[in-house]
N, C-alpha and C. Protein backbone atom coordinates (compact mmCIF):
# COMPACT_ATOMS: atom_id res chain seq x y z
N MET A 1 2.26 4.36 -28.14
CA MET A 1 1.58 3.11 -27.95
C MET A 1 0.20 3.38 -27.34
N LYS A 2 -0.79 2.71 -27.85
CA LYS A 2 -2.15 2.90 -27.39
C LYS A 2 -2.42 2.04 -26.16
N ARG A 3 -3.45 2.44 -25.41
CA ARG A 3 -3.84 1.75 -24.18
C ARG A 3 -5.36 1.64 -24.16
N LEU A 4 -5.88 0.46 -23.84
CA LEU A 4 -7.31 0.28 -23.70
C LEU A 4 -7.78 1.00 -22.45
N HIS A 5 -8.93 1.67 -22.54
CA HIS A 5 -9.54 2.35 -21.40
C HIS A 5 -10.87 1.68 -21.10
N VAL A 6 -11.08 1.33 -19.85
CA VAL A 6 -12.32 0.73 -19.38
C VAL A 6 -12.81 1.55 -18.20
N ASN A 7 -14.09 1.96 -18.22
CA ASN A 7 -14.68 2.73 -17.13
C ASN A 7 -15.90 1.98 -16.63
N ILE A 8 -15.92 1.67 -15.35
CA ILE A 8 -17.02 0.92 -14.75
C ILE A 8 -17.65 1.77 -13.66
N SER A 9 -18.97 1.89 -13.67
CA SER A 9 -19.70 2.54 -12.58
C SER A 9 -19.90 1.52 -11.48
N VAL A 10 -19.65 1.93 -10.25
CA VAL A 10 -19.75 1.02 -9.11
C VAL A 10 -20.69 1.59 -8.06
N GLU A 11 -21.26 0.71 -7.25
CA GLU A 11 -22.15 1.15 -6.18
C GLU A 11 -21.37 1.58 -4.94
N ASN A 12 -20.29 0.86 -4.61
CA ASN A 12 -19.53 1.14 -3.41
C ASN A 12 -18.07 1.32 -3.82
N LEU A 13 -17.63 2.57 -3.91
CA LEU A 13 -16.28 2.86 -4.39
C LEU A 13 -15.20 2.25 -3.48
N GLU A 14 -15.36 2.37 -2.18
CA GLU A 14 -14.35 1.85 -1.25
C GLU A 14 -14.19 0.34 -1.39
N ALA A 15 -15.29 -0.38 -1.46
CA ALA A 15 -15.23 -1.83 -1.61
C ALA A 15 -14.62 -2.21 -2.97
N SER A 16 -14.97 -1.44 -4.00
CA SER A 16 -14.44 -1.73 -5.33
C SER A 16 -12.95 -1.43 -5.42
N ILE A 17 -12.50 -0.36 -4.78
CA ILE A 17 -11.06 -0.07 -4.75
C ILE A 17 -10.33 -1.23 -4.08
N ALA A 18 -10.84 -1.71 -2.96
CA ALA A 18 -10.20 -2.83 -2.26
C ALA A 18 -10.14 -4.07 -3.17
N PHE A 19 -11.23 -4.37 -3.87
CA PHE A 19 -11.25 -5.52 -4.77
C PHE A 19 -10.22 -5.37 -5.89
N TYR A 20 -10.23 -4.23 -6.59
CA TYR A 20 -9.33 -4.06 -7.74
C TYR A 20 -7.87 -3.91 -7.31
N LYS A 21 -7.61 -3.36 -6.11
CA LYS A 21 -6.23 -3.35 -5.60
C LYS A 21 -5.71 -4.78 -5.48
N THR A 22 -6.56 -5.67 -5.01
CA THR A 22 -6.17 -7.07 -4.87
C THR A 22 -6.02 -7.73 -6.24
N LEU A 23 -6.99 -7.51 -7.12
CA LEU A 23 -6.95 -8.10 -8.44
C LEU A 23 -5.71 -7.68 -9.22
N PHE A 24 -5.41 -6.39 -9.21
CA PHE A 24 -4.28 -5.86 -9.98
C PHE A 24 -2.95 -5.89 -9.22
N ALA A 25 -2.98 -6.21 -7.92
CA ALA A 25 -1.80 -6.26 -7.06
C ALA A 25 -1.08 -4.92 -7.01
N THR A 26 -1.85 -3.83 -7.04
CA THR A 26 -1.26 -2.49 -6.95
C THR A 26 -2.35 -1.50 -6.54
N VAL A 27 -1.91 -0.39 -5.98
CA VAL A 27 -2.83 0.67 -5.58
C VAL A 27 -3.19 1.52 -6.80
N PRO A 28 -4.34 2.21 -6.76
CA PRO A 28 -4.69 3.09 -7.88
C PRO A 28 -3.70 4.24 -8.01
N THR A 29 -3.54 4.76 -9.23
CA THR A 29 -2.68 5.92 -9.46
C THR A 29 -3.41 7.22 -9.15
N VAL A 30 -4.75 7.19 -9.19
CA VAL A 30 -5.58 8.35 -8.84
C VAL A 30 -6.72 7.85 -7.96
N VAL A 31 -6.95 8.55 -6.84
CA VAL A 31 -8.10 8.25 -5.98
C VAL A 31 -8.74 9.57 -5.59
N LYS A 32 -10.03 9.69 -5.86
CA LYS A 32 -10.83 10.85 -5.47
C LYS A 32 -12.05 10.31 -4.72
N GLU A 33 -12.89 11.18 -4.19
CA GLU A 33 -14.05 10.72 -3.42
C GLU A 33 -15.06 9.96 -4.27
N ASP A 34 -15.01 10.13 -5.59
CA ASP A 34 -16.00 9.48 -6.47
C ASP A 34 -15.36 8.73 -7.63
N TYR A 35 -14.04 8.48 -7.55
CA TYR A 35 -13.32 7.99 -8.73
C TYR A 35 -11.99 7.36 -8.32
N ALA A 36 -11.59 6.33 -9.03
CA ALA A 36 -10.25 5.76 -8.88
C ALA A 36 -9.79 5.25 -10.24
N LYS A 37 -8.47 5.32 -10.48
CA LYS A 37 -7.92 4.90 -11.77
C LYS A 37 -6.61 4.17 -11.56
N TRP A 38 -6.44 3.09 -12.33
CA TRP A 38 -5.19 2.34 -12.38
C TRP A 38 -4.63 2.46 -13.79
N MET A 39 -3.38 2.88 -13.93
CA MET A 39 -2.70 2.91 -15.22
C MET A 39 -1.78 1.69 -15.24
N LEU A 40 -2.31 0.60 -15.76
CA LEU A 40 -1.61 -0.68 -15.71
C LEU A 40 -0.78 -0.90 -16.96
N ASP A 41 0.35 -1.57 -16.79
CA ASP A 41 1.18 -1.94 -17.94
C ASP A 41 1.04 -3.41 -18.30
N ASP A 42 0.48 -4.21 -17.38
CA ASP A 42 0.29 -5.63 -17.66
C ASP A 42 -1.00 -6.09 -17.02
N PRO A 43 -2.11 -6.07 -17.71
CA PRO A 43 -2.26 -5.71 -19.12
C PRO A 43 -2.23 -4.19 -19.28
N ARG A 44 -1.89 -3.73 -20.48
CA ARG A 44 -1.78 -2.30 -20.76
C ARG A 44 -3.18 -1.70 -20.86
N VAL A 45 -3.67 -1.16 -19.74
CA VAL A 45 -5.04 -0.64 -19.69
C VAL A 45 -5.13 0.53 -18.71
N ASN A 46 -5.96 1.49 -19.05
CA ASN A 46 -6.36 2.57 -18.16
C ASN A 46 -7.71 2.12 -17.62
N PHE A 47 -7.73 1.61 -16.39
CA PHE A 47 -8.92 1.05 -15.78
C PHE A 47 -9.44 2.01 -14.74
N ALA A 48 -10.67 2.50 -14.90
CA ALA A 48 -11.24 3.48 -13.98
C ALA A 48 -12.57 2.99 -13.43
N ILE A 49 -12.84 3.35 -12.17
CA ILE A 49 -14.14 3.09 -11.57
C ILE A 49 -14.68 4.41 -11.03
N THR A 50 -16.00 4.55 -11.03
CA THR A 50 -16.61 5.78 -10.56
C THR A 50 -17.95 5.50 -9.90
N SER A 51 -18.28 6.33 -8.94
CA SER A 51 -19.60 6.24 -8.31
C SER A 51 -20.56 7.24 -8.92
N ARG A 52 -20.21 7.85 -10.05
CA ARG A 52 -21.00 8.90 -10.67
C ARG A 52 -22.07 8.38 -11.64
N GLY A 53 -22.03 7.13 -12.03
CA GLY A 53 -22.98 6.58 -12.99
C GLY A 53 -24.35 6.35 -12.39
N ALA A 54 -25.35 6.21 -13.25
CA ALA A 54 -26.71 5.98 -12.80
C ALA A 54 -26.90 4.57 -12.26
N LYS A 55 -26.20 3.62 -12.85
CA LYS A 55 -26.31 2.24 -12.39
C LYS A 55 -24.93 1.59 -12.47
N ALA A 56 -24.75 0.56 -11.67
CA ALA A 56 -23.47 -0.14 -11.67
C ALA A 56 -23.30 -0.94 -12.96
N GLY A 57 -22.07 -1.03 -13.42
CA GLY A 57 -21.77 -1.81 -14.61
C GLY A 57 -20.88 -1.05 -15.57
N LEU A 58 -20.65 -1.63 -16.72
CA LEU A 58 -19.80 -1.02 -17.73
C LEU A 58 -20.39 0.31 -18.17
N ASP A 59 -19.61 1.38 -18.07
CA ASP A 59 -20.06 2.71 -18.46
C ASP A 59 -19.65 3.01 -19.90
N HIS A 60 -18.36 2.83 -20.21
CA HIS A 60 -17.87 3.03 -21.57
C HIS A 60 -16.48 2.43 -21.71
N LEU A 61 -16.07 2.26 -22.94
CA LEU A 61 -14.72 1.80 -23.27
C LEU A 61 -14.02 2.89 -24.04
N GLY A 62 -12.72 2.77 -24.18
CA GLY A 62 -12.00 3.79 -24.93
C GLY A 62 -10.63 3.32 -25.35
N ILE A 63 -10.02 4.18 -26.18
CA ILE A 63 -8.63 3.98 -26.59
C ILE A 63 -7.89 5.26 -26.21
N GLN A 64 -6.93 5.12 -25.31
CA GLN A 64 -6.09 6.24 -24.91
C GLN A 64 -4.82 6.19 -25.73
N VAL A 65 -4.46 7.32 -26.33
CA VAL A 65 -3.26 7.39 -27.15
C VAL A 65 -2.21 8.23 -26.44
N GLU A 66 -0.98 8.17 -26.93
CA GLU A 66 0.11 8.91 -26.30
C GLU A 66 0.62 10.08 -27.11
N THR A 67 0.21 10.18 -28.40
CA THR A 67 0.70 11.27 -29.24
C THR A 67 -0.43 11.84 -30.09
N ASP A 68 -0.21 13.05 -30.59
CA ASP A 68 -1.18 13.66 -31.51
C ASP A 68 -1.32 12.84 -32.79
N ASP A 69 -0.22 12.26 -33.28
CA ASP A 69 -0.28 11.43 -34.49
C ASP A 69 -1.17 10.22 -34.28
N GLU A 70 -1.05 9.56 -33.12
CA GLU A 70 -1.93 8.43 -32.83
C GLU A 70 -3.38 8.86 -32.73
N LEU A 71 -3.62 10.03 -32.15
CA LEU A 71 -4.97 10.54 -32.03
C LEU A 71 -5.57 10.79 -33.41
N THR A 72 -4.81 11.40 -34.29
CA THR A 72 -5.26 11.64 -35.67
C THR A 72 -5.55 10.32 -36.38
N GLU A 73 -4.70 9.33 -36.18
CA GLU A 73 -4.90 8.01 -36.80
C GLU A 73 -6.21 7.38 -36.34
N VAL A 74 -6.46 7.38 -35.04
CA VAL A 74 -7.67 6.75 -34.52
C VAL A 74 -8.90 7.55 -34.92
N TYR A 75 -8.83 8.88 -34.89
CA TYR A 75 -9.96 9.71 -35.34
C TYR A 75 -10.34 9.37 -36.78
N SER A 76 -9.35 9.19 -37.65
CA SER A 76 -9.67 8.88 -39.05
C SER A 76 -10.35 7.52 -39.17
N ARG A 77 -9.97 6.57 -38.32
CA ARG A 77 -10.66 5.27 -38.33
C ARG A 77 -12.09 5.41 -37.84
N LEU A 78 -12.30 6.23 -36.83
CA LEU A 78 -13.65 6.45 -36.32
C LEU A 78 -14.55 7.05 -37.40
N LYS A 79 -14.02 8.04 -38.13
CA LYS A 79 -14.80 8.66 -39.20
C LYS A 79 -15.16 7.64 -40.27
N ALA A 80 -14.25 6.71 -40.54
CA ALA A 80 -14.51 5.68 -41.56
C ALA A 80 -15.55 4.67 -41.09
N ALA A 81 -15.81 4.60 -39.77
CA ALA A 81 -16.81 3.67 -39.25
C ALA A 81 -18.23 4.10 -39.59
N ASP A 82 -18.40 5.34 -40.05
CA ASP A 82 -19.69 5.85 -40.50
C ASP A 82 -20.77 5.71 -39.43
N ARG A 83 -20.43 6.16 -38.21
CA ARG A 83 -21.37 6.16 -37.09
C ARG A 83 -21.43 7.59 -36.56
N PRO A 84 -22.49 7.92 -35.82
CA PRO A 84 -22.55 9.24 -35.19
C PRO A 84 -21.34 9.44 -34.29
N MET A 85 -20.70 10.59 -34.44
CA MET A 85 -19.49 10.86 -33.67
C MET A 85 -19.54 12.29 -33.14
N ILE A 86 -19.03 12.48 -31.96
CA ILE A 86 -18.89 13.81 -31.38
C ILE A 86 -17.40 14.12 -31.30
N GLU A 87 -17.00 15.18 -31.95
CA GLU A 87 -15.62 15.64 -31.87
C GLU A 87 -15.56 16.67 -30.75
N GLU A 88 -15.32 16.19 -29.55
CA GLU A 88 -15.36 17.05 -28.37
C GLU A 88 -14.18 18.01 -28.31
N GLY A 89 -13.01 17.58 -28.72
CA GLY A 89 -11.83 18.44 -28.66
C GLY A 89 -11.30 18.60 -27.25
N GLU A 90 -10.82 19.80 -26.93
CA GLU A 90 -10.23 20.09 -25.61
C GLU A 90 -11.31 20.01 -24.55
N THR A 91 -11.02 19.31 -23.44
CA THR A 91 -12.01 19.16 -22.39
C THR A 91 -11.36 18.83 -21.06
N THR A 92 -12.11 19.01 -20.00
CA THR A 92 -11.72 18.58 -18.67
C THR A 92 -12.72 17.54 -18.22
N CYS A 93 -12.23 16.34 -17.95
CA CYS A 93 -13.11 15.28 -17.48
C CYS A 93 -12.28 14.22 -16.78
N CYS A 94 -12.88 13.57 -15.79
CA CYS A 94 -12.22 12.47 -15.09
C CYS A 94 -10.90 12.90 -14.48
N TYR A 95 -10.88 14.12 -13.94
CA TYR A 95 -9.70 14.68 -13.29
C TYR A 95 -8.51 14.82 -14.23
N ALA A 96 -8.79 15.04 -15.53
CA ALA A 96 -7.72 15.18 -16.51
C ALA A 96 -8.10 16.20 -17.58
N GLN A 97 -7.08 16.82 -18.17
CA GLN A 97 -7.23 17.67 -19.35
C GLN A 97 -6.98 16.77 -20.55
N SER A 98 -7.89 16.77 -21.52
CA SER A 98 -7.79 15.85 -22.65
C SER A 98 -8.28 16.48 -23.94
N ARG A 99 -7.96 15.78 -25.02
CA ARG A 99 -8.58 16.02 -26.32
C ARG A 99 -9.25 14.71 -26.68
N LYS A 100 -10.56 14.75 -27.04
CA LYS A 100 -11.25 13.48 -27.25
C LYS A 100 -12.40 13.57 -28.23
N ASN A 101 -12.74 12.40 -28.72
CA ASN A 101 -13.92 12.17 -29.56
C ASN A 101 -14.72 11.03 -28.94
N TRP A 102 -16.00 10.98 -29.27
CA TRP A 102 -16.90 9.92 -28.82
C TRP A 102 -17.62 9.32 -30.01
N ILE A 103 -17.87 8.02 -29.94
CA ILE A 103 -18.64 7.32 -30.96
C ILE A 103 -19.43 6.21 -30.24
N VAL A 104 -20.54 5.80 -30.83
CA VAL A 104 -21.35 4.72 -30.27
C VAL A 104 -21.35 3.56 -31.26
N ASP A 105 -21.09 2.35 -30.74
CA ASP A 105 -21.08 1.19 -31.62
C ASP A 105 -22.52 0.82 -32.02
N PRO A 106 -22.70 -0.11 -32.94
CA PRO A 106 -24.05 -0.45 -33.41
C PRO A 106 -25.00 -0.94 -32.31
N ASP A 107 -24.46 -1.40 -31.17
CA ASP A 107 -25.32 -1.86 -30.08
C ASP A 107 -25.50 -0.82 -28.98
N GLY A 108 -25.00 0.40 -29.21
CA GLY A 108 -25.21 1.48 -28.25
C GLY A 108 -24.13 1.64 -27.20
N LEU A 109 -23.00 0.93 -27.30
CA LEU A 109 -21.91 1.07 -26.35
C LEU A 109 -21.04 2.27 -26.73
N SER A 110 -20.85 3.17 -25.78
CA SER A 110 -20.04 4.38 -26.03
C SER A 110 -18.55 4.06 -25.97
N TRP A 111 -17.81 4.61 -26.93
CA TRP A 111 -16.35 4.52 -26.99
C TRP A 111 -15.79 5.94 -27.04
N GLU A 112 -14.74 6.19 -26.28
CA GLU A 112 -14.03 7.45 -26.38
C GLU A 112 -12.62 7.19 -26.87
N THR A 113 -12.09 8.14 -27.61
CA THR A 113 -10.69 8.11 -28.02
C THR A 113 -10.10 9.41 -27.52
N PHE A 114 -8.98 9.33 -26.79
CA PHE A 114 -8.48 10.54 -26.16
C PHE A 114 -6.98 10.54 -25.96
N LEU A 115 -6.46 11.77 -25.87
CA LEU A 115 -5.07 12.05 -25.52
C LEU A 115 -5.11 12.89 -24.25
N THR A 116 -4.55 12.39 -23.17
CA THR A 116 -4.50 13.15 -21.92
C THR A 116 -3.29 14.07 -21.98
N VAL A 117 -3.54 15.37 -21.71
CA VAL A 117 -2.46 16.36 -21.80
C VAL A 117 -2.13 16.99 -20.45
N GLY A 118 -2.86 16.61 -19.40
CA GLY A 118 -2.57 17.14 -18.07
C GLY A 118 -3.60 16.69 -17.06
N GLU A 119 -3.33 17.02 -15.80
CA GLU A 119 -4.24 16.68 -14.72
C GLU A 119 -5.19 17.83 -14.45
N SER A 120 -6.28 17.53 -13.72
CA SER A 120 -7.23 18.55 -13.30
C SER A 120 -7.62 18.27 -11.86
N PRO A 121 -7.78 19.31 -11.04
CA PRO A 121 -8.19 19.09 -9.66
C PRO A 121 -9.68 18.76 -9.53
N VAL A 122 -10.45 18.91 -10.62
CA VAL A 122 -11.89 18.65 -10.59
C VAL A 122 -12.25 17.59 -11.62
N TYR A 123 -13.30 16.84 -11.32
CA TYR A 123 -13.80 15.85 -12.27
C TYR A 123 -14.41 16.55 -13.47
N GLY A 124 -15.21 17.55 -13.20
CA GLY A 124 -15.97 18.29 -14.20
C GLY A 124 -17.30 18.68 -13.58
N SER A 125 -18.20 19.18 -14.36
CA SER A 125 -19.51 19.61 -13.87
C SER A 125 -20.28 18.41 -13.34
N ASP A 126 -21.19 18.65 -12.40
CA ASP A 126 -22.05 17.58 -11.89
C ASP A 126 -23.23 17.31 -12.80
N ASP A 127 -23.42 18.13 -13.84
CA ASP A 127 -24.49 17.85 -14.80
C ASP A 127 -24.18 16.54 -15.49
N ARG A 128 -25.19 15.72 -15.66
CA ARG A 128 -25.01 14.43 -16.30
C ARG A 128 -25.83 14.37 -17.57
N LEU A 129 -25.26 13.79 -18.58
CA LEU A 129 -25.95 13.60 -19.85
C LEU A 129 -26.92 12.44 -19.70
N THR A 130 -28.12 12.61 -20.22
CA THR A 130 -29.10 11.53 -20.21
C THR A 130 -29.27 11.03 -21.63
N VAL A 131 -29.04 9.74 -21.82
CA VAL A 131 -29.25 9.09 -23.10
C VAL A 131 -30.25 7.97 -22.87
N GLU A 132 -31.37 8.03 -23.53
CA GLU A 132 -32.42 7.04 -23.38
C GLU A 132 -32.77 6.84 -21.91
N GLY A 133 -32.83 7.94 -21.15
CA GLY A 133 -33.29 7.89 -19.77
C GLY A 133 -32.26 7.45 -18.74
N GLU A 134 -31.02 7.23 -19.12
CA GLU A 134 -30.01 6.80 -18.16
C GLU A 134 -28.86 7.78 -18.15
N SER A 135 -28.34 8.04 -16.97
CA SER A 135 -27.19 8.92 -16.84
C SER A 135 -25.92 8.16 -17.16
N SER A 136 -24.90 8.90 -17.52
CA SER A 136 -23.60 8.32 -17.79
C SER A 136 -22.57 9.03 -16.95
N ALA A 137 -21.57 8.31 -16.50
CA ALA A 137 -20.50 8.92 -15.72
C ALA A 137 -19.51 9.64 -16.62
N CYS A 138 -19.58 9.39 -17.92
CA CYS A 138 -18.62 10.01 -18.83
C CYS A 138 -19.06 11.41 -19.22
N CYS A 139 -18.16 12.14 -19.81
CA CYS A 139 -18.40 13.55 -20.08
C CYS A 139 -19.29 13.80 -21.29
N VAL A 140 -19.18 13.03 -22.31
CA VAL A 140 -19.99 13.21 -23.51
C VAL A 140 -20.36 11.84 -24.03
N THR A 141 -21.59 11.69 -24.42
CA THR A 141 -22.01 10.43 -25.02
C THR A 141 -22.85 10.75 -26.24
N PRO A 142 -22.49 10.24 -27.41
CA PRO A 142 -23.31 10.45 -28.58
C PRO A 142 -24.64 9.74 -28.42
N ASP A 143 -25.66 10.29 -29.01
CA ASP A 143 -26.97 9.65 -29.05
C ASP A 143 -26.89 8.46 -29.99
N PRO A 144 -27.21 7.23 -29.53
CA PRO A 144 -27.08 6.07 -30.39
C PRO A 144 -28.03 6.09 -31.58
N GLN A 145 -29.01 6.96 -31.57
CA GLN A 145 -29.95 7.06 -32.68
C GLN A 145 -29.45 8.00 -33.77
N GLY A 146 -28.27 8.57 -33.59
CA GLY A 146 -27.68 9.37 -34.65
C GLY A 146 -27.62 10.85 -34.35
N GLY A 147 -28.23 11.30 -33.26
CA GLY A 147 -28.17 12.72 -32.92
C GLY A 147 -26.88 13.03 -32.22
N GLN A 148 -26.64 14.29 -31.99
CA GLN A 148 -25.44 14.70 -31.28
C GLN A 148 -25.69 14.68 -29.79
N GLY A 149 -24.74 14.18 -29.03
CA GLY A 149 -24.80 14.25 -27.59
C GLY A 149 -24.37 15.64 -27.17
N LYS A 150 -24.25 15.84 -25.86
CA LYS A 150 -23.78 17.13 -25.39
C LYS A 150 -22.80 16.91 -24.27
N SER A 151 -22.06 17.93 -23.98
CA SER A 151 -21.08 17.85 -22.92
C SER A 151 -21.79 17.79 -21.59
N ALA A 152 -21.40 16.84 -20.74
CA ALA A 152 -22.04 16.71 -19.45
C ALA A 152 -21.14 17.16 -18.31
N CYS A 153 -19.84 17.04 -18.43
CA CYS A 153 -18.99 17.49 -17.32
C CYS A 153 -17.83 18.31 -17.84
N CYS A 154 -17.96 18.84 -19.00
CA CYS A 154 -16.85 19.57 -19.60
C CYS A 154 -17.26 20.99 -19.94
């Protein structure tokens, strides 16, 4: 079963954790000095916040899958979308080991599709990818103009 992934950059992680704990009526499943994540079942979402982004607000969206077959299915749909895509493959990002791809929608919003295969004690490199002059908290972001992005924390 697939799960929606939402990643928001925040200015004050502690205040945001307190707010989302109240909103979701539960504590985060992962808390680090620069990151927190809730794996919610109602609604079914992987909701993450981070202080690593250049500005506060929506950083990226994604679809988290649970099996290799689901990952293959979603990858094939991404390829059919005929947009610039980065096939990142095996990576370490957001305190997890994953296999992932990135694509940018027609308005420049980054989407990741990923299968988490394990945990990681580190977020990833502190190098940040710059796209059109702005940093992203995510590990890879395709260039919305059609070029290839690069790995920023993997």
